[in-house]
Amino acid sequence: MISRIWRGWTSKDNANAYDGLLRNEIFPGILGRNIIGLRRIELFRAPDGDEVEFVTVMWFETMAAIKAFAGEDYEVAVVPEKARA
C-alpha cells in the first residue's frame, strides 16, 4: 500500500463547512471516479491555534493508481477549486 497525504488549514468558523465539503462532495467525487487501486480515504481534523488543520490520507495499491488519480505529475497536490476557498 502507498499513502498519499494532504494537509490544509481553515478558520475555526469555516471548519464545519469545510469538513462537510470534503465528506459530502470532494470524497464522493473522487470515489465516484472508480479508480482501480484506490482503497480508501481517511480524514482527520484537529485544532491548530486560531485555525483547524485537516489531513487526508488516501490509500492506493500501486503507483499506477496514484497516477490515475493525480496524473503523471503525481507529487503535485490535487485540490478542487471548491476546496480552495
C-alpha atoms as a PDB file:
ATOM      1  CA  MET A   1       0.000   0.000   0.000  1.00  0.00           C
ATOM      2  CA  ILE A   2       1.056   3.551  -0.726  1.00  0.00           C
ATOM      3  CA  SER A   3      -0.408   6.531   1.110  1.00  0.00           C
ATOM      4  CA  ARG A   4      -0.855   9.999  -0.295  1.00  0.00           C
ATOM      5  CA  ILE A   5      -1.179  12.680   2.386  1.00  0.00           C
ATOM      6  CA  TRP A   6      -2.590  16.177   2.001  1.00  0.00           C
ATOM      7  CA  ARG A   7      -2.766  18.845   4.715  1.00  0.00           C
ATOM      8  CA  GLY A   8      -4.766  22.049   4.762  1.00  0.00           C
ATOM      9  CA  TRP A   9      -5.982  24.641   7.241  1.00  0.00           C
ATOM     10  CA  THR A  10      -9.057  26.802   7.597  1.00  0.00           C
ATOM     11  CA  SER A  11     -10.523  29.138  10.178  1.00  0.00           C
ATOM     12  CA  LYS A  12     -12.439  27.745  13.140  1.00  0.00           C
ATOM     13  CA  ASP A  13     -15.563  29.456  11.798  1.00  0.00           C
ATOM     14  CA  ASN A  14     -15.222  27.663   8.448  1.00  0.00           C
ATOM     15  CA  ALA A  15     -14.128  24.249   9.786  1.00  0.00           C
ATOM     16  CA  ASN A  16     -17.520  22.524   9.870  1.00  0.00           C
ATOM     17  CA  ALA A  17     -18.410  23.728   6.380  1.00  0.00           C
ATOM     18  CA  TYR A  18     -15.019  22.587   5.074  1.00  0.00           C
ATOM     19  CA  ASP A  19     -15.454  19.203   6.746  1.00  0.00           C
ATOM     20  CA  GLY A  20     -18.862  18.858   5.085  1.00  0.00           C
ATOM     21  CA  LEU A  21     -17.470  19.837   1.688  1.00  0.00           C
ATOM     22  CA  LEU A  22     -14.777  17.174   1.945  1.00  0.00           C
ATOM     23  CA  ARG A  23     -17.073  14.402   3.207  1.00  0.00           C
ATOM     24  CA  ASN A  24     -20.154  15.178   1.115  1.00  0.00           C
ATOM     25  CA  GLU A  25     -18.736  16.452  -2.196  1.00  0.00           C
ATOM     26  CA  ILE A  26     -14.985  16.042  -2.645  1.00  0.00           C
ATOM     27  CA  PHE A  27     -14.569  12.471  -1.363  1.00  0.00           C
ATOM     28  CA  PRO A  28     -17.691  11.101  -3.120  1.00  0.00           C
ATOM     29  CA  GLY A  29     -16.463  12.752  -6.329  1.00  0.00           C
ATOM     30  CA  ILE A  30     -13.091  11.043  -6.018  1.00  0.00           C
ATOM     31  CA  LEU A  31     -14.612   7.679  -5.111  1.00  0.00           C
ATOM     32  CA  GLY A  32     -17.099   8.062  -7.970  1.00  0.00           C
ATOM     33  CA  ARG A  33     -14.205   8.011 -10.426  1.00  0.00           C
ATOM     34  CA  ASN A  34     -13.842   4.287  -9.599  1.00  0.00           C
ATOM     35  CA  ILE A  35     -10.059   4.432  -9.685  1.00  0.00           C
ATOM     36  CA  ILE A  36      -8.736   0.883  -9.725  1.00  0.00           C
ATOM     37  CA  GLY A  37      -6.346   0.516  -6.802  1.00  0.00           C
ATOM     38  CA  LEU A  38      -7.756   3.334  -4.631  1.00  0.00           C
ATOM     39  CA  ARG A  39      -8.670   1.580  -1.408  1.00  0.00           C
ATOM     40  CA  ARG A  40      -9.880   4.303   0.966  1.00  0.00           C
ATOM     41  CA  ILE A  41      -9.752   7.935   2.010  1.00  0.00           C
ATOM     42  CA  GLU A  42      -9.398   8.977   5.641  1.00  0.00           C
ATOM     43  CA  LEU A  43     -10.000  12.434   7.115  1.00  0.00           C
ATOM     44  CA  PHE A  44      -8.510  13.831  10.296  1.00  0.00           C
ATOM     45  CA  ARG A  45      -9.002  17.282  11.815  1.00  0.00           C
ATOM     46  CA  ALA A  46      -7.508  19.000  14.816  1.00  0.00           C
ATOM     47  CA  PRO A  47      -7.420  22.500  16.291  1.00  0.00           C
ATOM     48  CA  ASP A  48      -4.222  24.366  15.452  1.00  0.00           C
ATOM     49  CA  GLY A  49      -4.101  27.730  17.185  1.00  0.00           C
ATOM     50  CA  ASP A  50      -6.655  30.030  15.550  1.00  0.00           C
ATOM     51  CA  GLU A  51      -7.235  27.537  12.747  1.00  0.00           C
ATOM     52  CA  VAL A  52      -8.269  23.936  12.209  1.00  0.00           C
ATOM     53  CA  GLU A  53      -5.925  21.554  10.423  1.00  0.00           C
ATOM     54  CA  PHE A  54      -7.312  18.949   8.037  1.00  0.00           C
ATOM     55  CA  VAL A  55      -5.315  15.914   6.945  1.00  0.00           C
ATOM     56  CA  THR A  56      -6.479  13.495   4.291  1.00  0.00           C
ATOM     57  CA  VAL A  57      -4.815  10.150   3.720  1.00  0.00           C
ATOM     58  CA  MET A  58      -5.608   8.255   0.548  1.00  0.00           C
ATOM     59  CA  TRP A  59      -4.512   4.619   0.276  1.00  0.00           C
ATOM     60  CA  PHE A  60      -3.514   3.181  -3.105  1.00  0.00           C
ATOM     61  CA  GLU A  61      -2.305  -0.254  -4.188  1.00  0.00           C
ATOM     62  CA  THR A  62       0.105   0.949  -6.898  1.00  0.00           C
ATOM     63  CA  MET A  63       1.794   3.979  -8.416  1.00  0.00           C
ATOM     64  CA  ALA A  64      -0.420   3.448 -11.464  1.00  0.00           C
ATOM     65  CA  ALA A  65      -3.454   4.020  -9.240  1.00  0.00           C
ATOM     66  CA  ILE A  66      -1.941   7.235  -7.862  1.00  0.00           C
ATOM     67  CA  LYS A  67      -1.252   8.454 -11.397  1.00  0.00           C
ATOM     68  CA  ALA A  68      -4.830   7.607 -12.381  1.00  0.00           C
ATOM     69  CA  PHE A  69      -5.917   9.946  -9.591  1.00  0.00           C
ATOM     70  CA  ALA A  70      -3.322  12.719  -9.807  1.00  0.00           C
ATOM     71  CA  GLY A  71      -1.861  12.475 -13.306  1.00  0.00           C
ATOM     72  CA  GLU A  72       1.737  11.979 -14.369  1.00  0.00           C
ATOM     73  CA  ASP A  73       2.929  14.790 -12.070  1.00  0.00           C
ATOM     74  CA  TYR A  74       1.616  12.799  -9.107  1.00  0.00           C
ATOM     75  CA  GLU A  75       3.559  14.745  -6.444  1.00  0.00           C
ATOM     76  CA  VAL A  76       1.508  17.897  -7.062  1.00  0.00           C
ATOM     77  CA  ALA A  77      -1.489  18.486  -4.792  1.00  0.00           C
ATOM     78  CA  VAL A  78      -4.893  17.761  -6.290  1.00  0.00           C
ATOM     79  CA  VAL A  79      -7.184  20.365  -4.764  1.00  0.00           C
ATOM     80  CA  PRO A  80     -10.591  21.022  -6.375  1.00  0.00           C
ATOM     81  CA  GLU A  81     -11.469  24.700  -6.764  1.00  0.00           C
ATOM     82  CA  LYS A  82     -14.330  24.362  -4.234  1.00  0.00           C
ATOM     83  CA  ALA A  83     -11.864  23.311  -1.531  1.00  0.00           C
ATOM     84  CA  ARG A  84      -9.553  26.309  -2.039  1.00  0.00           C
ATOM     85  CA  ALA A  85     -11.932  28.865  -0.539  1.00  0.00           C
END
